[in-house]
Amino acid sequence: MTNKAVPSTMTQRESFLSGKWRILVVDDHPTFREGLKKMIGFESDLSVCGEADSAPNALDAMRRLNPDLVTVDIALKGSNGLELIKAIKAEKPTLPILTISMHDESLYAIRALRAGAAGYVMKQESLELMMHALREVLKGNMFVSRDLNNKLLSEILKPVNGDGNGIKDRLSDRELEIFEHIGNFISLREIAEKLNLSIKTVETHRLHIKEKLDIATARELAQLARGWVESEVKY
């Protein structure tokens, strides 16, 4: 480990003396969490100092363990990973965060970066790419895939037409998540179970989505969501 100032807390001293960057893994899927911990454990300069499956547990672990980096999934038990990223940055503005998620980067990467993450990797990417992303973020760099980087550059070069990104600009983080699930033919009950919300809460979010997008019926919303998902996941 290089270019790292001598730390003051006990956990940070352990990190400095061991020569390994300490990583807190936050994901609500035990199988993926175990797999990521094993992958990191094989690296000579990286180690896992803790894990969490929800935002409250993650914040508690962050305060106790003082990690060098936190990996955060978008979907967590009872909360949205984007909100956790914002909460982490509010307490520790300089703590690097890498989002590792099953959600398509074209839908959520920009939101994660705006929330405070320094990088975004999809779970189906290779081990080598994930480890490279971890090291890039630890060095203070940003990391996104080559495809997303090209898309971002093309967006910058597009003429300004005044309507921003349309649907993504009009919906909140949670509303966009529900909108995506609707577009993937997931029922309201399944969405509620997946996000650990009540059906009433999901129905309220759906109502707000319809109002923001000026849609009259649930059928029209489902058709729009499906078409949007199909267009957004392709560059």
Protein backbone atom coordinates (compact mmCIF):
# COMPACT_ATOMS: atom_id res chain seq x y z
CA MET A 1 0.00 0.00 0.00
CA THR A 2 1.41 3.32 -0.98
CA ASN A 3 0.79 7.01 -0.47
CA LYS A 4 -1.23 6.46 2.69
CA ALA A 5 -0.79 8.81 5.63
CA VAL A 6 -0.23 7.27 9.04
CA PRO A 7 -3.74 6.90 10.55
CA SER A 8 -4.92 7.82 14.02
CA THR A 9 -7.62 5.25 14.94
CA MET A 10 -6.92 1.65 15.96
CA THR A 11 -8.68 0.10 12.96
CA GLN A 12 -6.90 2.46 10.60
CA ARG A 13 -3.53 1.59 12.22
CA GLU A 14 -4.30 -2.08 11.62
CA SER A 15 -4.95 -1.28 7.98
CA PHE A 16 -1.70 0.66 7.70
CA LEU A 17 0.42 -1.98 9.43
CA SER A 18 -1.09 -4.92 7.53
CA GLY A 19 -0.47 -3.22 4.19
CA LYS A 20 -4.03 -4.02 3.11
CA TRP A 21 -6.94 -1.75 2.27
CA ARG A 22 -9.92 -2.59 4.49
CA ILE A 23 -13.27 -2.95 2.70
CA LEU A 24 -16.81 -3.01 4.10
CA VAL A 25 -19.13 -5.11 1.91
CA VAL A 26 -22.81 -4.07 1.88
CA ASP A 27 -25.22 -6.38 0.03
CA ASP A 28 -28.46 -8.09 1.03
CA HIS A 29 -27.71 -11.32 -0.91
CA PRO A 30 -25.67 -13.65 1.39
CA THR A 31 -24.37 -15.74 -1.51
CA PHE A 32 -22.99 -12.77 -3.42
CA ARG A 33 -21.62 -11.25 -0.21
CA GLU A 34 -19.71 -14.44 0.58
CA GLY A 35 -18.44 -14.68 -2.97
CA LEU A 36 -17.19 -11.10 -2.99
CA LYS A 37 -15.51 -11.57 0.39
CA LYS A 38 -13.67 -14.63 -0.92
CA MET A 39 -12.58 -12.81 -4.07
CA ILE A 40 -11.23 -9.89 -2.07
CA GLY A 41 -9.56 -12.27 0.37
CA PHE A 42 -7.40 -13.69 -2.44
CA GLU A 43 -5.90 -10.25 -3.15
CA SER A 44 -2.59 -9.38 -1.48
CA ASP A 45 -3.46 -5.70 -0.94
CA LEU A 46 -7.16 -5.98 -0.04
CA SER A 47 -9.11 -7.36 2.95
CA VAL A 48 -12.72 -7.41 4.15
CA CYS A 49 -13.15 -5.76 7.55
CA GLY A 50 -16.92 -6.23 7.82
CA GLU A 51 -20.22 -6.82 6.07
CA ALA A 52 -23.84 -5.63 6.27
CA ASP A 53 -27.17 -6.43 4.62
CA SER A 54 -29.06 -3.19 5.32
CA ALA A 55 -28.50 0.55 5.55
CA PRO A 56 -28.70 0.74 9.38
CA ASN A 57 -26.27 -2.17 9.78
CA ALA A 58 -23.95 -0.63 7.19
CA LEU A 59 -23.85 2.74 8.94
CA ASP A 60 -23.18 1.04 12.27
CA ALA A 61 -20.36 -1.03 10.77
CA MET A 62 -18.88 2.02 9.07
CA ARG A 63 -18.76 3.92 12.37
CA ARG A 64 -17.19 1.00 14.26
CA LEU A 65 -14.73 -0.25 11.67
CA ASN A 66 -13.57 2.87 9.81
CA PRO A 67 -13.10 1.06 6.47
CA ASP A 68 -11.01 2.42 3.62
CA LEU A 69 -13.81 1.73 1.13
CA VAL A 70 -17.45 0.61 1.13
CA THR A 71 -19.11 -1.44 -1.60
CA VAL A 72 -22.86 -0.78 -1.83
CA ASP A 73 -25.61 -2.54 -3.77
CA ILE A 74 -28.58 -0.56 -5.10
CA ALA A 75 -31.21 -2.87 -3.59
CA LEU A 76 -30.99 -3.38 0.17
CA LYS A 77 -33.34 -4.63 2.87
CA GLY A 78 -35.88 -1.91 3.64
CA SER A 79 -34.01 0.86 1.87
CA ASN A 80 -32.47 2.05 -1.35
CA GLY A 81 -28.72 1.83 -1.76
CA LEU A 82 -28.66 5.33 -3.24
CA GLU A 83 -29.98 6.72 0.04
CA LEU A 84 -27.30 4.79 1.94
CA ILE A 85 -24.61 6.31 -0.30
CA LYS A 86 -25.93 9.78 0.51
CA ALA A 87 -26.00 8.98 4.24
CA ILE A 88 -22.41 7.68 4.17
CA LYS A 89 -21.15 10.75 2.33
CA ALA A 90 -23.00 13.02 4.78
CA GLU A 91 -21.04 11.48 7.67
CA LYS A 92 -17.76 10.71 5.90
CA PRO A 93 -17.42 12.85 2.76
CA THR A 94 -13.99 11.45 1.87
CA LEU A 95 -14.85 7.75 2.28
CA PRO A 96 -14.74 6.08 -1.19
CA ILE A 97 -17.81 4.11 -2.29
CA LEU A 98 -18.02 1.58 -5.12
CA THR A 99 -21.49 0.48 -6.23
CA ILE A 100 -21.64 -3.19 -7.24
CA SER A 101 -25.15 -4.02 -8.44
CA MET A 102 -27.25 -6.32 -10.60
CA HIS A 103 -29.13 -3.25 -11.87
CA ASP A 104 -28.21 -2.14 -15.37
CA GLU A 105 -25.65 0.64 -15.28
CA SER A 106 -27.53 2.63 -17.92
CA LEU A 107 -30.40 3.00 -15.44
CA TYR A 108 -28.61 3.60 -12.13
CA ALA A 109 -24.93 4.41 -12.56
CA ILE A 110 -25.39 8.15 -13.04
CA ARG A 111 -27.68 8.32 -10.02
CA ALA A 112 -25.17 6.41 -7.91
CA LEU A 113 -22.38 8.77 -8.97
CA ARG A 114 -24.52 11.81 -8.25
CA ALA A 115 -25.35 10.38 -4.81
CA GLY A 116 -21.63 10.19 -4.02
CA ALA A 117 -20.30 6.86 -5.31
CA ALA A 118 -16.94 6.97 -7.07
CA GLY A 119 -17.64 4.00 -9.32
CA TYR A 120 -20.23 1.54 -10.62
CA VAL A 121 -19.75 -2.12 -11.58
CA MET A 122 -22.41 -4.64 -12.57
CA LYS A 123 -22.36 -7.98 -10.74
CA GLN A 124 -21.98 -10.01 -13.93
CA GLU A 125 -18.64 -8.39 -14.70
CA SER A 126 -15.42 -10.38 -14.34
CA LEU A 127 -13.41 -10.77 -11.14
CA GLU A 128 -10.53 -8.89 -12.72
CA LEU A 129 -12.72 -5.90 -13.56
CA MET A 130 -14.21 -5.75 -10.05
CA MET A 131 -10.78 -5.82 -8.42
CA HIS A 132 -9.53 -3.19 -10.87
CA ALA A 133 -12.52 -0.99 -10.01
CA LEU A 134 -11.82 -1.35 -6.27
CA ARG A 135 -8.22 -0.27 -6.72
CA GLU A 136 -9.09 2.64 -8.99
CA VAL A 137 -11.60 4.00 -6.46
CA LEU A 138 -9.13 3.47 -3.60
CA LYS A 139 -6.59 5.53 -5.55
CA GLY A 140 -9.09 8.39 -5.70
CA ASN A 141 -10.19 7.83 -9.29
CA MET A 142 -13.67 7.38 -10.75
CA PHE A 143 -14.59 4.08 -12.39
CA VAL A 144 -17.32 3.18 -14.88
CA SER A 145 -17.35 0.69 -17.74
CA ARG A 146 -16.05 1.65 -21.17
CA ASP A 147 -19.59 1.45 -22.61
CA LEU A 148 -21.00 3.78 -19.97
CA ASN A 149 -18.09 6.16 -20.33
CA ASN A 150 -18.76 6.35 -24.07
CA LYS A 151 -22.45 6.94 -23.43
CA LEU A 152 -21.70 9.74 -20.98
CA LEU A 153 -19.40 11.39 -23.50
CA SER A 154 -22.06 11.16 -26.20
CA GLU A 155 -24.63 12.69 -23.84
CA ILE A 156 -22.29 15.62 -23.16
CA LEU A 157 -21.92 16.22 -26.89
CA LYS A 158 -25.65 16.12 -27.62
CA PRO A 159 -27.36 19.47 -28.37
CA VAL A 160 -29.28 20.80 -25.38
CA ASN A 161 -32.99 20.46 -26.09
CA GLY A 162 -34.39 21.57 -22.75
CA ASP A 163 -36.01 18.32 -21.63
CA GLY A 164 -33.05 16.76 -19.80
CA ASN A 165 -33.24 13.00 -19.48
CA GLY A 166 -37.03 12.89 -19.49
CA ILE A 167 -38.35 10.11 -17.30
CA LYS A 168 -35.15 9.73 -15.24
CA ASP A 169 -35.20 13.43 -14.38
CA ARG A 170 -38.84 13.43 -13.32
CA LEU A 171 -38.81 10.45 -10.95
CA SER A 172 -37.19 10.06 -7.54
CA ASP A 173 -34.71 7.23 -6.89
CA ARG A 174 -37.37 4.98 -5.36
CA GLU A 175 -39.92 5.84 -8.06
CA LEU A 176 -37.42 4.97 -10.78
CA GLU A 177 -36.70 1.65 -9.09
CA ILE A 178 -40.43 0.79 -8.98
CA PHE A 179 -40.91 2.03 -12.55
CA GLU A 180 -38.15 -0.31 -13.70
CA HIS A 181 -39.74 -3.27 -11.88
CA ILE A 182 -43.11 -2.50 -13.50
CA GLY A 183 -41.36 -2.47 -16.87
CA ASN A 184 -39.96 -5.93 -16.10
CA PHE A 185 -43.51 -7.30 -15.54
CA ILE A 186 -43.11 -7.60 -11.77
CA SER A 187 -46.39 -7.35 -9.84
CA LEU A 188 -46.98 -4.78 -7.11
CA ARG A 189 -47.00 -7.52 -4.48
CA GLU A 190 -43.66 -8.87 -5.71
CA ILE A 191 -42.23 -5.35 -5.82
CA ALA A 192 -43.35 -4.79 -2.23
CA GLU A 193 -41.68 -8.04 -1.12
CA LYS A 194 -38.50 -7.33 -3.08
CA LEU A 195 -38.12 -3.81 -1.64
CA ASN A 196 -39.43 -4.72 1.83
CA LEU A 197 -42.27 -2.19 1.52
CA SER A 198 -46.02 -2.42 2.07
CA ILE A 199 -48.25 -2.79 -0.98
CA LYS A 200 -49.92 0.48 -0.01
CA THR A 201 -46.56 2.27 -0.15
CA VAL A 202 -45.82 0.78 -3.57
CA GLU A 203 -49.29 1.81 -4.79
CA THR A 204 -48.65 5.36 -3.54
CA HIS A 205 -45.34 5.47 -5.43
CA ARG A 206 -47.11 4.18 -8.55
CA LEU A 207 -49.73 6.93 -8.22
CA HIS A 208 -46.99 9.57 -7.97
CA ILE A 209 -45.26 8.09 -11.03
CA LYS A 210 -48.50 8.30 -13.02
CA GLU A 211 -48.99 11.91 -11.94
CA LYS A 212 -45.42 12.92 -12.82
CA LEU A 213 -45.56 11.22 -16.21
CA ASP A 214 -49.15 12.37 -16.91
CA ILE A 215 -50.48 8.83 -17.34
CA ALA A 216 -54.11 7.95 -16.66
CA THR A 217 -54.15 4.16 -16.24
CA ALA A 218 -51.99 1.40 -14.80
CA ARG A 219 -52.04 -0.34 -18.21
CA GLU A 220 -50.60 2.73 -19.94
CA LEU A 221 -47.96 2.97 -17.22
CA ALA A 222 -46.96 -0.68 -17.69
CA GLN A 223 -46.66 -0.21 -21.46
CA LEU A 224 -44.55 2.93 -21.07
CA ALA A 225 -42.33 1.29 -18.42
CA ARG A 226 -41.73 -1.76 -20.60
CA GLY A 227 -40.81 0.32 -23.63
CA TRP A 228 -38.53 2.52 -21.52
CA VAL A 229 -36.68 -0.41 -19.96
CA GLU A 230 -36.14 -2.00 -23.37
CA SER A 231 -34.74 1.22 -24.79
CA GLU A 232 -32.60 2.19 -21.77
CA VAL A 233 -30.73 -1.09 -21.37
CA LYS A 234 -29.44 -0.78 -24.92
CA TYR A 235 -26.89 1.76 -25.98
